[in-house]
Amino acid sequence: MSTEIHTGGCQCGAIRFRVTGDLKDASICHCRMCQKAFGAYYAPLVSTRGAVLEWTRGEPKRFQSSNVVRRGFCADCGTPLTYEAPDGVAVAAGAFDDPRPLAPWVQYGVEGKLPYVDDLPALPQRRTEEDEAAAAFLAGVVSYQHPDHDTPAWPPR
């Protein structure tokens, strides 16, 4: 088994995880159930088959979304975390501390794909700091989000 280690967790830090092993099976699912579970146009997921998934702080609450699939999420902040099916567990790609190496290679549930998803890259792009109208608002924002690395405890005392 690979000694590759990937860590991640929810937005509030109540749940943290570690995956030991290679993660080569990243995908996007467009089905309506995944859209609802993620509150998004699609769900980016990474299979943990062949690797070891450990919960290092807390554990997800689970919702039985169908007769064969459970979905894990943080009961405190609502972050979607897992898709749990008979063939294994997939973790939400965005919940990893560093999702950059987890590029999807396939799209599932394309019958549910929203018609404008393929056009998203063509939309105008702006960096957050370029929004002059929101400058005062942004200057006052203090993030309570857990950082993208393991911490001994959270929130800080």
C-alpha atoms as a PDB file:
ATOM      1  CA  MET A   1       0.000   0.000   0.000  1.00  0.00           C
ATOM      2  CA  SER A   2       1.154   3.514  -0.758  1.00  0.00           C
ATOM      3  CA  THR A   3       2.256   5.726   2.090  1.00  0.00           C
ATOM      4  CA  GLU A   4       0.505   8.695   0.508  1.00  0.00           C
ATOM      5  CA  ILE A   5      -1.437  10.571   3.207  1.00  0.00           C
ATOM      6  CA  HIS A   6      -4.327  12.937   2.508  1.00  0.00           C
ATOM      7  CA  THR A   7      -6.079  14.882   5.269  1.00  0.00           C
ATOM      8  CA  GLY A   8      -9.209  16.949   5.388  1.00  0.00           C
ATOM      9  CA  GLY A   9     -12.318  17.821   7.288  1.00  0.00           C
ATOM     10  CA  CYS A  10     -15.428  19.906   7.538  1.00  0.00           C
ATOM     11  CA  GLN A  11     -15.652  23.684   7.510  1.00  0.00           C
ATOM     12  CA  CYS A  12     -16.016  24.092  11.288  1.00  0.00           C
ATOM     13  CA  GLY A  13     -13.315  21.563  12.283  1.00  0.00           C
ATOM     14  CA  ALA A  14     -15.594  19.268  14.296  1.00  0.00           C
ATOM     15  CA  ILE A  15     -14.744  16.428  11.895  1.00  0.00           C
ATOM     16  CA  ARG A  16     -11.286  15.590  10.526  1.00  0.00           C
ATOM     17  CA  PHE A  17     -10.147  12.605   8.482  1.00  0.00           C
ATOM     18  CA  ARG A  18      -7.026  10.970   7.071  1.00  0.00           C
ATOM     19  CA  VAL A  19      -6.801   8.769   3.989  1.00  0.00           C
ATOM     20  CA  THR A  20      -3.685   6.622   3.672  1.00  0.00           C
ATOM     21  CA  GLY A  21      -3.075   5.246   0.182  1.00  0.00           C
ATOM     22  CA  ASP A  22      -3.386   6.269  -3.439  1.00  0.00           C
ATOM     23  CA  LEU A  23      -6.417   8.302  -4.474  1.00  0.00           C
ATOM     24  CA  LYS A  24      -6.798   7.867  -8.221  1.00  0.00           C
ATOM     25  CA  ASP A  25     -10.557   7.623  -8.675  1.00  0.00           C
ATOM     26  CA  ALA A  26     -11.960  11.163  -8.579  1.00  0.00           C
ATOM     27  CA  SER A  27     -15.227  11.916 -10.348  1.00  0.00           C
ATOM     28  CA  ILE A  28     -18.075  14.350 -10.684  1.00  0.00           C
ATOM     29  CA  CYS A  29     -21.692  13.237 -10.343  1.00  0.00           C
ATOM     30  CA  HIS A  30     -24.475  15.292 -11.905  1.00  0.00           C
ATOM     31  CA  CYS A  31     -27.436  13.235 -10.662  1.00  0.00           C
ATOM     32  CA  ARG A  32     -30.187  15.138  -8.885  1.00  0.00           C
ATOM     33  CA  MET A  33     -29.537  13.316  -5.606  1.00  0.00           C
ATOM     34  CA  CYS A  34     -25.906  14.489  -5.593  1.00  0.00           C
ATOM     35  CA  GLN A  35     -26.962  18.018  -6.555  1.00  0.00           C
ATOM     36  CA  LYS A  36     -29.258  18.127  -3.528  1.00  0.00           C
ATOM     37  CA  ALA A  37     -26.713  16.518  -1.172  1.00  0.00           C
ATOM     38  CA  PHE A  38     -24.043  19.077  -2.081  1.00  0.00           C
ATOM     39  CA  GLY A  39     -26.358  22.031  -2.694  1.00  0.00           C
ATOM     40  CA  ALA A  40     -24.463  22.514  -5.950  1.00  0.00           C
ATOM     41  CA  TYR A  41     -24.613  21.878  -9.686  1.00  0.00           C
ATOM     42  CA  TYR A  42     -22.700  18.608  -9.220  1.00  0.00           C
ATOM     43  CA  ALA A  43     -20.803  16.605  -6.594  1.00  0.00           C
ATOM     44  CA  PRO A  44     -17.029  16.167  -6.831  1.00  0.00           C
ATOM     45  CA  LEU A  45     -16.121  12.877  -5.126  1.00  0.00           C
ATOM     46  CA  VAL A  46     -12.957  10.847  -4.533  1.00  0.00           C
ATOM     47  CA  SER A  47     -13.196   7.091  -3.995  1.00  0.00           C
ATOM     48  CA  THR A  48     -11.204   5.695  -1.081  1.00  0.00           C
ATOM     49  CA  ARG A  49     -11.278   2.120  -2.444  1.00  0.00           C
ATOM     50  CA  GLY A  50      -7.858   0.546  -1.908  1.00  0.00           C
ATOM     51  CA  ALA A  51      -6.939   3.146   0.728  1.00  0.00           C
ATOM     52  CA  VAL A  52      -7.644   3.455   4.449  1.00  0.00           C
ATOM     53  CA  LEU A  53     -10.077   6.154   5.615  1.00  0.00           C
ATOM     54  CA  GLU A  54      -9.873   7.118   9.298  1.00  0.00           C
ATOM     55  CA  TRP A  55     -11.889   9.695  11.219  1.00  0.00           C
ATOM     56  CA  THR A  56      -9.323  11.532  13.361  1.00  0.00           C
ATOM     57  CA  ARG A  57     -11.754  13.967  15.038  1.00  0.00           C
ATOM     58  CA  GLY A  58     -15.466  13.368  15.338  1.00  0.00           C
ATOM     59  CA  GLU A  59     -17.474  11.347  12.854  1.00  0.00           C
ATOM     60  CA  PRO A  60     -20.077  12.326  10.270  1.00  0.00           C
ATOM     61  CA  LYS A  61     -23.771  12.140  10.862  1.00  0.00           C
ATOM     62  CA  ARG A  62     -25.346  10.073   8.108  1.00  0.00           C
ATOM     63  CA  PHE A  63     -28.467  10.357   5.991  1.00  0.00           C
ATOM     64  CA  GLN A  64     -29.825   7.324   4.133  1.00  0.00           C
ATOM     65  CA  SER A  65     -30.465   9.038   0.783  1.00  0.00           C
ATOM     66  CA  SER A  66     -31.608   5.846  -0.971  1.00  0.00           C
ATOM     67  CA  ASN A  67     -32.024   2.160  -0.252  1.00  0.00           C
ATOM     68  CA  VAL A  68     -28.313   1.589  -0.996  1.00  0.00           C
ATOM     69  CA  VAL A  69     -26.489   4.892  -0.306  1.00  0.00           C
ATOM     70  CA  ARG A  70     -25.760   6.812   2.890  1.00  0.00           C
ATOM     71  CA  ARG A  71     -24.299  10.301   2.852  1.00  0.00           C
ATOM     72  CA  GLY A  72     -22.121  11.617   5.645  1.00  0.00           C
ATOM     73  CA  PHE A  73     -22.015  15.263   6.671  1.00  0.00           C
ATOM     74  CA  CYS A  74     -21.001  17.408   9.618  1.00  0.00           C
ATOM     75  CA  ALA A  75     -23.955  17.802  11.976  1.00  0.00           C
ATOM     76  CA  ASP A  76     -22.494  21.103  13.229  1.00  0.00           C
ATOM     77  CA  CYS A  77     -21.737  23.015  10.005  1.00  0.00           C
ATOM     78  CA  GLY A  78     -23.421  20.909   7.308  1.00  0.00           C
ATOM     79  CA  THR A  79     -20.331  20.225   5.187  1.00  0.00           C
ATOM     80  CA  PRO A  80     -21.011  17.270   2.836  1.00  0.00           C
ATOM     81  CA  LEU A  81     -18.349  14.610   3.512  1.00  0.00           C
ATOM     82  CA  THR A  82     -19.131  11.129   2.182  1.00  0.00           C
ATOM     83  CA  TYR A  83     -21.007   9.030  -0.315  1.00  0.00           C
ATOM     84  CA  GLU A  84     -21.197   5.523   1.158  1.00  0.00           C
ATOM     85  CA  ALA A  85     -22.307   2.705  -1.149  1.00  0.00           C
ATOM     86  CA  PRO A  86     -21.909  -1.088  -1.112  1.00  0.00           C
ATOM     87  CA  ASP A  87     -18.789  -0.788  -3.329  1.00  0.00           C
ATOM     88  CA  GLY A  88     -17.003   1.658  -1.013  1.00  0.00           C
ATOM     89  CA  VAL A  89     -16.813   5.148   0.403  1.00  0.00           C
ATOM     90  CA  ALA A  90     -16.122   8.306  -1.580  1.00  0.00           C
ATOM     91  CA  VAL A  91     -15.158  11.564   0.117  1.00  0.00           C
ATOM     92  CA  ALA A  92     -16.129  15.048  -1.036  1.00  0.00           C
ATOM     93  CA  ALA A  93     -13.143  16.394  -2.987  1.00  0.00           C
ATOM     94  CA  GLY A  94     -13.520  19.888  -1.533  1.00  0.00           C
ATOM     95  CA  ALA A  95     -13.271  18.539   2.022  1.00  0.00           C
ATOM     96  CA  PHE A  96      -9.612  17.550   1.493  1.00  0.00           C
ATOM     97  CA  ASP A  97      -7.039  20.033   2.788  1.00  0.00           C
ATOM     98  CA  ASP A  98      -5.440  20.028  -0.657  1.00  0.00           C
ATOM     99  CA  PRO A  99      -7.893  19.027  -3.388  1.00  0.00           C
ATOM    100  CA  ARG A 100      -5.578  20.144  -6.234  1.00  0.00           C
ATOM    101  CA  PRO A 101      -4.151  16.672  -6.990  1.00  0.00           C
ATOM    102  CA  LEU A 102      -7.626  15.112  -7.033  1.00  0.00           C
ATOM    103  CA  ALA A 103      -8.666  16.002 -10.574  1.00  0.00           C
ATOM    104  CA  PRO A 104     -11.770  14.158 -11.789  1.00  0.00           C
ATOM    105  CA  TRP A 105     -11.356  11.778 -14.711  1.00  0.00           C
ATOM    106  CA  VAL A 106     -15.018  10.890 -15.331  1.00  0.00           C
ATOM    107  CA  GLN A 107     -18.517  12.372 -14.991  1.00  0.00           C
ATOM    108  CA  TYR A 108     -21.448  10.274 -13.821  1.00  0.00           C
ATOM    109  CA  GLY A 109     -25.180  10.918 -13.889  1.00  0.00           C
ATOM    110  CA  VAL A 110     -24.887  13.129 -16.962  1.00  0.00           C
ATOM    111  CA  GLU A 111     -28.614  12.721 -17.624  1.00  0.00           C
ATOM    112  CA  GLY A 112     -29.046  15.170 -14.710  1.00  0.00           C
ATOM    113  CA  LYS A 113     -26.368  17.600 -15.878  1.00  0.00           C
ATOM    114  CA  LEU A 114     -27.684  21.151 -15.875  1.00  0.00           C
ATOM    115  CA  PRO A 115     -27.581  22.661 -19.372  1.00  0.00           C
ATOM    116  CA  TYR A 116     -25.208  25.531 -18.487  1.00  0.00           C
ATOM    117  CA  VAL A 117     -22.542  23.583 -16.573  1.00  0.00           C
ATOM    118  CA  ASP A 118     -20.306  23.089 -19.625  1.00  0.00           C
ATOM    119  CA  ASP A 119     -20.350  26.866 -20.219  1.00  0.00           C
ATOM    120  CA  LEU A 120     -19.117  27.825 -16.721  1.00  0.00           C
ATOM    121  CA  PRO A 121     -15.443  28.211 -17.794  1.00  0.00           C
ATOM    122  CA  ALA A 122     -16.514  30.832 -20.362  1.00  0.00           C
ATOM    123  CA  LEU A 123     -18.070  33.123 -17.723  1.00  0.00           C
ATOM    124  CA  PRO A 124     -16.184  36.318 -16.810  1.00  0.00           C
ATOM    125  CA  GLN A 125     -13.740  35.726 -13.958  1.00  0.00           C
ATOM    126  CA  ARG A 126     -12.923  38.104 -11.115  1.00  0.00           C
ATOM    127  CA  ARG A 127     -10.702  37.768  -8.078  1.00  0.00           C
ATOM    128  CA  THR A 128     -12.404  38.510  -4.753  1.00  0.00           C
ATOM    129  CA  GLU A 129     -10.316  41.621  -4.136  1.00  0.00           C
ATOM    130  CA  GLU A 130     -11.391  43.078  -7.495  1.00  0.00           C
ATOM    131  CA  ASP A 131     -14.941  43.623  -6.234  1.00  0.00           C
ATOM    132  CA  GLU A 132     -14.598  47.263  -5.201  1.00  0.00           C
ATOM    133  CA  ALA A 133     -18.236  47.493  -4.115  1.00  0.00           C
ATOM    134  CA  ALA A 134     -17.620  44.760  -1.534  1.00  0.00           C
ATOM    135  CA  ALA A 135     -14.244  46.089  -0.283  1.00  0.00           C
ATOM    136  CA  ALA A 136     -15.588  47.461   3.013  1.00  0.00           C
ATOM    137  CA  PHE A 137     -17.564  44.288   3.654  1.00  0.00           C
ATOM    138  CA  LEU A 138     -14.592  42.051   2.829  1.00  0.00           C
ATOM    139  CA  ALA A 139     -12.249  44.091   5.054  1.00  0.00           C
ATOM    140  CA  GLY A 140     -14.443  43.252   8.040  1.00  0.00           C
ATOM    141  CA  VAL A 141     -14.716  39.504   7.381  1.00  0.00           C
ATOM    142  CA  VAL A 142     -13.133  37.295  10.039  1.00  0.00           C
ATOM    143  CA  SER A 143     -13.027  33.615   9.085  1.00  0.00           C
ATOM    144  CA  TYR A 144     -13.994  31.024  11.685  1.00  0.00           C
ATOM    145  CA  GLN A 145     -13.333  28.226   9.209  1.00  0.00           C
ATOM    146  CA  HIS A 146     -10.966  25.474  10.271  1.00  0.00           C
ATOM    147  CA  PRO A 147      -7.564  25.844   8.537  1.00  0.00           C
ATOM    148  CA  ASP A 148      -6.480  23.388   5.841  1.00  0.00           C
ATOM    149  CA  HIS A 149      -4.288  21.306   8.152  1.00  0.00           C
ATOM    150  CA  ASP A 150      -4.657  19.190  11.270  1.00  0.00           C
ATOM    151  CA  THR A 151      -4.866  21.004  14.608  1.00  0.00           C
ATOM    152  CA  PRO A 152      -4.629  19.524  18.101  1.00  0.00           C
ATOM    153  CA  ALA A 153      -7.993  21.073  19.001  1.00  0.00           C
ATOM    154  CA  TRP A 154     -10.597  23.325  17.443  1.00  0.00           C
ATOM    155  CA  PRO A 155     -11.743  25.972  17.854  1.00  0.00           C
ATOM    156  CA  PRO A 156      -8.689  27.662  19.318  1.00  0.00           C
ATOM    157  CA  ARG A 157      -9.057  28.585  22.958  1.00  0.00           C
END
